[in-house]
PDB file of all heavy atoms in Angstrom:
ATOM      1  N   THR A   1     149.046 124.950  63.793  1.00  0.00           N
ATOM      2  CA  THR A   1     149.219 124.446  62.431  1.00  0.00           C
ATOM      3  C   THR A   1     147.949 124.705  61.628  1.00  0.00           C
ATOM      4  O   THR A   1     146.840 124.573  62.144  1.00  0.00           O
ATOM      5  CB  THR A   1     149.560 122.947  62.461  1.00  0.00           C
ATOM      6  OG1 THR A   1     150.851 122.781  63.080  1.00  0.00           O
ATOM      7  CG2 THR A   1     149.609 122.353  61.069  1.00  0.00           C
ATOM      8  N   ASP A   2     148.101 125.071  60.359  1.00  0.00           N
ATOM      9  CA  ASP A   2     146.960 125.448  59.523  1.00  0.00           C
ATOM     10  C   ASP A   2     146.393 124.307  58.695  1.00  0.00           C
ATOM     11  O   ASP A   2     145.271 124.407  58.195  1.00  0.00           O
ATOM     12  CB  ASP A   2     147.377 126.584  58.588  1.00  0.00           C
ATOM     13  CG  ASP A   2     147.835 127.811  59.352  1.00  0.00           C
ATOM     14  OD1 ASP A   2     146.978 128.448  60.001  1.00  0.00           O
ATOM     15  OD2 ASP A   2     149.039 128.120  59.332  1.00  0.00           O
ATOM     16  N   CYS A   3     147.153 123.236  58.524  1.00  0.00           N
ATOM     17  CA  CYS A   3     146.699 122.088  57.727  1.00  0.00           C
ATOM     18  C   CYS A   3     147.562 120.889  58.090  1.00  0.00           C
ATOM     19  O   CYS A   3     148.755 121.044  58.369  1.00  0.00           O
ATOM     20  CB  CYS A   3     146.821 122.392  56.233  1.00  0.00           C
ATOM     21  SG  CYS A   3     146.400 121.015  55.132  1.00  0.00           S
ATOM     22  N   ILE A   4     146.967 119.717  58.089  1.00  0.00           N
ATOM     23  CA  ILE A   4     147.730 118.487  58.325  1.00  0.00           C
ATOM     24  C   ILE A   4     147.834 117.711  57.022  1.00  0.00           C
ATOM     25  O   ILE A   4     146.823 117.421  56.372  1.00  0.00           O
ATOM     26  CB  ILE A   4     147.069 117.620  59.410  1.00  0.00           C
ATOM     27  CG1 ILE A   4     147.126 118.348  60.756  1.00  0.00           C
ATOM     28  CG2 ILE A   4     147.763 116.260  59.509  1.00  0.00           C
ATOM     29  CD1 ILE A   4     146.444 117.620  61.887  1.00  0.00           C
ATOM     30  N   VAL A   5     149.054 117.400  56.635  1.00  0.00           N
ATOM     31  CA  VAL A   5     149.320 116.596  55.445  1.00  0.00           C
ATOM     32  C   VAL A   5     149.778 115.223  55.921  1.00  0.00           C
ATOM     33  O   VAL A   5     150.857 115.086  56.508  1.00  0.00           O
ATOM     34  CB  VAL A   5     150.372 117.256  54.536  1.00  0.00           C
ATOM     35  CG1 VAL A   5     150.608 116.403  53.291  1.00  0.00           C
ATOM     36  CG2 VAL A   5     149.932 118.664  54.148  1.00  0.00           C
ATOM     37  N   VAL A   6     148.969 114.229  55.704  1.00  0.00           N
ATOM     38  CA  VAL A   6     149.211 112.885  56.208  1.00  0.00           C
ATOM     39  C   VAL A   6     149.657 111.968  55.072  1.00  0.00           C
ATOM     40  O   VAL A   6     149.199 112.091  53.940  1.00  0.00           O
ATOM     41  CB  VAL A   6     147.942 112.323  56.910  1.00  0.00           C
ATOM     42  CG1 VAL A   6     146.745 112.302  55.967  1.00  0.00           C
ATOM     43  CG2 VAL A   6     148.201 110.948  57.500  1.00  0.00           C
ATOM     44  N   CYS A   7     150.581 111.089  55.378  1.00  0.00           N
ATOM     45  CA  CYS A   7     151.081 110.087  54.417  1.00  0.00           C
ATOM     46  C   CYS A   7     151.806 110.706  53.228  1.00  0.00           C
ATOM     47  O   CYS A   7     151.660 110.268  52.079  1.00  0.00           O
ATOM     48  CB  CYS A   7     149.964 109.170  53.928  1.00  0.00           C
ATOM     49  SG  CYS A   7     149.327 108.062  55.206  1.00  0.00           S
ATOM     50  N   GLY A   8     152.623 111.714  53.535  1.00  0.00           N
ATOM     51  CA  GLY A   8     153.549 112.218  52.540  1.00  0.00           C
ATOM     52  C   GLY A   8     154.915 111.578  52.738  1.00  0.00           C
ATOM     53  O   GLY A   8     155.031 110.506  53.340  1.00  0.00           O
ATOM     54  N   THR A   9     155.960 112.253  52.268  1.00  0.00           N
ATOM     55  CA  THR A   9     157.313 111.741  52.444  1.00  0.00           C
ATOM     56  C   THR A   9     157.659 111.579  53.915  1.00  0.00           C
ATOM     57  O   THR A   9     158.174 110.547  54.346  1.00  0.00           O
ATOM     58  CB  THR A   9     158.328 112.692  51.780  1.00  0.00           C
ATOM     59  OG1 THR A   9     157.994 112.860  50.414  1.00  0.00           O
ATOM     60  CG2 THR A   9     159.739 112.125  51.879  1.00  0.00           C
ATOM     61  N   SER A  10     157.356 112.611  54.707  1.00  0.00           N
ATOM     62  CA  SER A  10     157.659 112.556  56.140  1.00  0.00           C
ATOM     63  C   SER A  10     156.837 111.502  56.856  1.00  0.00           C
ATOM     64  O   SER A  10     157.221 111.030  57.931  1.00  0.00           O
ATOM     65  CB  SER A  10     157.401 113.925  56.787  1.00  0.00           C
ATOM     66  OG  SER A  10     158.191 114.914  56.181  1.00  0.00           O
ATOM     67  N   GLY A  11     155.702 111.144  56.275  1.00  0.00           N
ATOM     68  CA  GLY A  11     154.858 110.103  56.849  1.00  0.00           C
ATOM     69  C   GLY A  11     155.230 108.705  56.423  1.00  0.00           C
ATOM     70  O   GLY A  11     154.498 107.749  56.729  1.00  0.00           O
ATOM     71  N   GLU A  12     156.365 108.567  55.727  1.00  0.00           N
ATOM     72  CA  GLU A  12     156.875 107.264  55.295  1.00  0.00           C
ATOM     73  C   GLU A  12     155.832 106.458  54.506  1.00  0.00           C
ATOM     74  O   GLU A  12     155.724 105.233  54.630  1.00  0.00           O
ATOM     75  CB  GLU A  12     157.378 106.452  56.497  1.00  0.00           C
ATOM     76  CG  GLU A  12     158.588 107.090  57.165  1.00  0.00           C
ATOM     77  CD  GLU A  12     159.056 106.347  58.409  1.00  0.00           C
ATOM     78  OE1 GLU A  12     159.654 105.265  58.267  1.00  0.00           O
ATOM     79  OE2 GLU A  12     158.809 106.866  59.521  1.00  0.00           O
ATOM     80  N   ALA A  13     155.085 107.162  53.671  1.00  0.00           N
ATOM     81  CA  ALA A  13     154.041 106.493  52.898  1.00  0.00           C
ATOM     82  C   ALA A  13     154.586 105.358  52.035  1.00  0.00           C
ATOM     83  O   ALA A  13     153.896 104.359  51.807  1.00  0.00           O
ATOM     84  CB  ALA A  13     153.322 107.514  52.017  1.00  0.00           C
ATOM     85  N   SER A  14     155.822 105.506  51.591  1.00  0.00           N
ATOM     86  CA  SER A  14     156.383 104.496  50.682  1.00  0.00           C
ATOM     87  C   SER A  14     156.644 103.155  51.358  1.00  0.00           C
ATOM     88  O   SER A  14     156.880 102.153  50.678  1.00  0.00           O
ATOM     89  CB  SER A  14     157.682 105.012  50.052  1.00  0.00           C
ATOM     90  OG  SER A  14     158.630 105.333  51.057  1.00  0.00           O
ATOM     91  N   THR A  15     156.621 103.117  52.688  1.00  0.00           N
ATOM     92  CA  THR A  15     156.810 101.843  53.382  1.00  0.00           C
ATOM     93  C   THR A  15     155.527 101.355  54.051  1.00  0.00           C
ATOM     94  O   THR A  15     155.540 100.330  54.742  1.00  0.00           O
ATOM     95  CB  THR A  15     157.919 101.927  54.451  1.00  0.00           C
ATOM     96  OG1 THR A  15     157.521 102.838  55.481  1.00  0.00           O
ATOM     97  CG2 THR A  15     159.233 102.383  53.840  1.00  0.00           C
ATOM     98  N   LEU A  16     154.425 102.073  53.853  1.00  0.00           N
ATOM     99  CA  LEU A  16     153.143 101.622  54.394  1.00  0.00           C
ATOM    100  C   LEU A  16     152.456 100.700  53.399  1.00  0.00           C
ATOM    101  O   LEU A  16     152.545 100.908  52.180  1.00  0.00           O
ATOM    102  CB  LEU A  16     152.230 102.826  54.675  1.00  0.00           C
ATOM    103  CG  LEU A  16     152.721 103.892  55.656  1.00  0.00           C
ATOM    104  CD1 LEU A  16     151.683 105.006  55.754  1.00  0.00           C
ATOM    105  CD2 LEU A  16     153.016 103.299  57.020  1.00  0.00           C
ATOM    106  N   THR A  17     151.757  99.706  53.911  1.00  0.00           N
ATOM    107  CA  THR A  17     150.890  98.930  53.024  1.00  0.00           C
ATOM    108  C   THR A  17     149.714  99.817  52.609  1.00  0.00           C
ATOM    109  O   THR A  17     149.433 100.848  53.248  1.00  0.00           O
ATOM    110  CB  THR A  17     150.340  97.683  53.721  1.00  0.00           C
ATOM    111  OG1 THR A  17     149.457  98.084  54.787  1.00  0.00           O
ATOM    112  CG2 THR A  17     151.460  96.816  54.296  1.00  0.00           C
ATOM    113  N   GLU A  18     149.002  99.431  51.569  1.00  0.00           N
ATOM    114  CA  GLU A  18     147.845 100.228  51.160  1.00  0.00           C
ATOM    115  C   GLU A  18     146.821 100.305  52.285  1.00  0.00           C
ATOM    116  O   GLU A  18     146.191 101.352  52.495  1.00  0.00           O
ATOM    117  CB  GLU A  18     147.216  99.635  49.892  1.00  0.00           C
ATOM    118  CG  GLU A  18     148.037  99.884  48.645  1.00  0.00           C
ATOM    119  CD  GLU A  18     147.338  99.445  47.373  1.00  0.00           C
ATOM    120  OE1 GLU A  18     146.205  98.918  47.459  1.00  0.00           O
ATOM    121  OE2 GLU A  18     147.917  99.625  46.286  1.00  0.00           O
ATOM    122  N   GLU A  19     146.668  99.209  53.027  1.00  0.00           N
ATOM    123  CA  GLU A  19     145.704  99.199  54.131  1.00  0.00           C
ATOM    124  C   GLU A  19     146.128 100.182  55.232  1.00  0.00           C
ATOM    125  O   GLU A  19     145.307 100.940  55.751  1.00  0.00           O
ATOM    126  CB  GLU A  19     145.578  97.788  54.705  1.00  0.00           C
ATOM    127  CG  GLU A  19     144.925  96.775  53.784  1.00  0.00           C
ATOM    128  CD  GLU A  19     145.842  96.269  52.679  1.00  0.00           C
ATOM    129  OE1 GLU A  19     147.082  96.470  52.778  1.00  0.00           O
ATOM    130  OE2 GLU A  19     145.339  95.684  51.697  1.00  0.00           O
ATOM    131  N   GLU A  20     147.417 100.168  55.583  1.00  0.00           N
ATOM    132  CA  GLU A  20     147.932 101.102  56.593  1.00  0.00           C
ATOM    133  C   GLU A  20     147.812 102.540  56.109  1.00  0.00           C
ATOM    134  O   GLU A  20     147.438 103.439  56.877  1.00  0.00           O
ATOM    135  CB  GLU A  20     149.396 100.794  56.898  1.00  0.00           C
ATOM    136  CG  GLU A  20     149.631  99.501  57.652  1.00  0.00           C
ATOM    137  CD  GLU A  20     151.116  99.160  57.744  1.00  0.00           C
ATOM    138  OE1 GLU A  20     151.875  99.520  56.808  1.00  0.00           O
ATOM    139  OE2 GLU A  20     151.508  98.542  58.743  1.00  0.00           O
ATOM    140  N   HIS A  21     148.139 102.744  54.869  1.00  0.00           N
ATOM    141  CA  HIS A  21     148.107 104.068  54.254  1.00  0.00           C
ATOM    142  C   HIS A  21     146.705 104.673  54.391  1.00  0.00           C
ATOM    143  O   HIS A  21     146.534 105.796  54.881  1.00  0.00           O
ATOM    144  CB  HIS A  21     148.501 103.919  52.776  1.00  0.00           C
ATOM    145  CG  HIS A  21     148.800 105.186  52.061  1.00  0.00           C
ATOM    146  ND1 HIS A  21     149.796 105.282  51.128  1.00  0.00           N
ATOM    147  CD2 HIS A  21     148.223 106.401  52.101  1.00  0.00           C
ATOM    148  CE1 HIS A  21     149.841 106.514  50.631  1.00  0.00           C
ATOM    149  NE2 HIS A  21     148.876 107.209  51.203  1.00  0.00           N
ATOM    150  N   LEU A  22     145.708 103.910  53.991  1.00  0.00           N
ATOM    151  CA  LEU A  22     144.340 104.404  54.010  1.00  0.00           C
ATOM    152  C   LEU A  22     143.800 104.514  55.429  1.00  0.00           C
ATOM    153  O   LEU A  22     143.016 105.428  55.736  1.00  0.00           O
ATOM    154  CB  LEU A  22     143.451 103.513  53.141  1.00  0.00           C
ATOM    155  CG  LEU A  22     143.800 103.555  51.645  1.00  0.00           C
ATOM    156  CD1 LEU A  22     142.996 102.515  50.883  1.00  0.00           C
ATOM    157  CD2 LEU A  22     143.549 104.949  51.070  1.00  0.00           C
ATOM    158  N   GLU A  23     144.219 103.617  56.317  1.00  0.00           N
ATOM    159  CA  GLU A  23     143.793 103.708  57.712  1.00  0.00           C
ATOM    160  C   GLU A  23     144.362 104.959  58.374  1.00  0.00           C
ATOM    161  O   GLU A  23     143.664 105.648  59.129  1.00  0.00           O
ATOM    162  CB  GLU A  23     144.221 102.465  58.481  1.00  0.00           C
ATOM    163  CG  GLU A  23     143.783 102.425  59.941  1.00  0.00           C
ATOM    164  CD  GLU A  23     142.283 102.330  60.141  1.00  0.00           C
ATOM    165  OE1 GLU A  23     141.575 101.982  59.177  1.00  0.00           O
ATOM    166  OE2 GLU A  23     141.819 102.602  61.266  1.00  0.00           O
ATOM    167  N   ALA A  24     145.623 105.266  58.082  1.00  0.00           N
ATOM    168  CA  ALA A  24     146.232 106.482  58.644  1.00  0.00           C
ATOM    169  C   ALA A  24     145.489 107.726  58.178  1.00  0.00           C
ATOM    170  O   ALA A  24     145.223 108.647  58.964  1.00  0.00           O
ATOM    171  CB  ALA A  24     147.710 106.557  58.249  1.00  0.00           C
ATOM    172  N   ILE A  25     145.133 107.764  56.908  1.00  0.00           N
ATOM    173  CA  ILE A  25     144.369 108.895  56.373  1.00  0.00           C
ATOM    174  C   ILE A  25     143.016 108.996  57.074  1.00  0.00           C
ATOM    175  O   ILE A  25     142.591 110.078  57.498  1.00  0.00           O
ATOM    176  CB  ILE A  25     144.187 108.750  54.852  1.00  0.00           C
ATOM    177  CG1 ILE A  25     145.539 108.920  54.144  1.00  0.00           C
ATOM    178  CG2 ILE A  25     143.163 109.752  54.323  1.00  0.00           C
ATOM    179  CD1 ILE A  25     145.526 108.521  52.684  1.00  0.00           C
ATOM    180  N   ALA A  26     142.352 107.865  57.215  1.00  0.00           N
ATOM    181  CA  ALA A  26     141.026 107.849  57.844  1.00  0.00           C
ATOM    182  C   ALA A  26     141.092 108.311  59.295  1.00  0.00           C
ATOM    183  O   ALA A  26     140.228 109.070  59.767  1.00  0.00           O
ATOM    184  CB  ALA A  26     140.419 106.448  57.752  1.00  0.00           C
ATOM    185  N   VAL A  27     142.119 107.872  60.011  1.00  0.00           N
ATOM    186  CA  VAL A  27     142.269 108.227  61.425  1.00  0.00           C
ATOM    187  C   VAL A  27     142.481 109.736  61.582  1.00  0.00           C
ATOM    188  O   VAL A  27     141.854 110.380  62.433  1.00  0.00           O
ATOM    189  CB  VAL A  27     143.432 107.430  62.058  1.00  0.00           C
ATOM    190  CG1 VAL A  27     143.890 108.052  63.372  1.00  0.00           C
ATOM    191  CG2 VAL A  27     143.010 105.983  62.279  1.00  0.00           C
ATOM    192  N   VAL A  28     143.354 110.314  60.777  1.00  0.00           N
ATOM    193  CA  VAL A  28     143.616 111.752  60.886  1.00  0.00           C
ATOM    194  C   VAL A  28     142.377 112.557  60.497  1.00  0.00           C
ATOM    195  O   VAL A  28     142.018 113.537  61.172  1.00  0.00           O
ATOM    196  CB  VAL A  28     144.831 112.151  60.031  1.00  0.00           C
ATOM    197  CG1 VAL A  28     144.982 113.667  59.973  1.00  0.00           C
ATOM    198  CG2 VAL A  28     146.100 111.523  60.584  1.00  0.00           C
ATOM    199  N   ALA A  29     141.709 112.153  59.428  1.00  0.00           N
ATOM    200  CA  ALA A  29     140.500 112.871  59.002  1.00  0.00           C
ATOM    201  C   ALA A  29     139.419 112.804  60.077  1.00  0.00           C
ATOM    202  O   ALA A  29     138.750 113.804  60.365  1.00  0.00           O
ATOM    203  CB  ALA A  29     139.991 112.300  57.688  1.00  0.00           C
ATOM    204  N   GLU A  30     139.262 111.637  60.670  1.00  0.00           N
ATOM    205  CA  GLU A  30     138.257 111.471  61.717  1.00  0.00           C
ATOM    206  C   GLU A  30     138.602 112.306  62.941  1.00  0.00           C
ATOM    207  O   GLU A  30     137.748 112.966  63.527  1.00  0.00           O
ATOM    208  CB  GLU A  30     138.136 109.998  62.108  1.00  0.00           C
ATOM    209  CG  GLU A  30     137.115 109.729  63.203  1.00  0.00           C
ATOM    210  CD  GLU A  30     137.094 108.271  63.629  1.00  0.00           C
ATOM    211  OE1 GLU A  30     138.154 107.752  64.035  1.00  0.00           O
ATOM    212  OE2 GLU A  30     136.019 107.672  63.562  1.00  0.00           O
ATOM    213  N   GLN A  31     139.878 112.281  63.335  1.00  0.00           N
ATOM    214  CA  GLN A  31     140.294 113.025  64.521  1.00  0.00           C
ATOM    215  C   GLN A  31     140.174 114.529  64.297  1.00  0.00           C
ATOM    216  O   GLN A  31     139.748 115.272  65.183  1.00  0.00           O
ATOM    217  CB  GLN A  31     141.727 112.653  64.897  1.00  0.00           C
ATOM    218  CG  GLN A  31     142.181 113.193  66.237  1.00  0.00           C
ATOM    219  CD  GLN A  31     141.444 112.574  67.403  1.00  0.00           C
ATOM    220  OE1 GLN A  31     141.047 111.414  67.340  1.00  0.00           O
ATOM    221  NE2 GLN A  31     141.253 113.331  68.468  1.00  0.00           N
TER     222      GLN A  31
END
């Protein structure tokens, strides 16, 4: 894969809390 897109439609961003949303982004970026 050439790029990871986190918390889009497939990532169910619309049902994540803001805290979960930002934590998921942070986790993927860190990893």
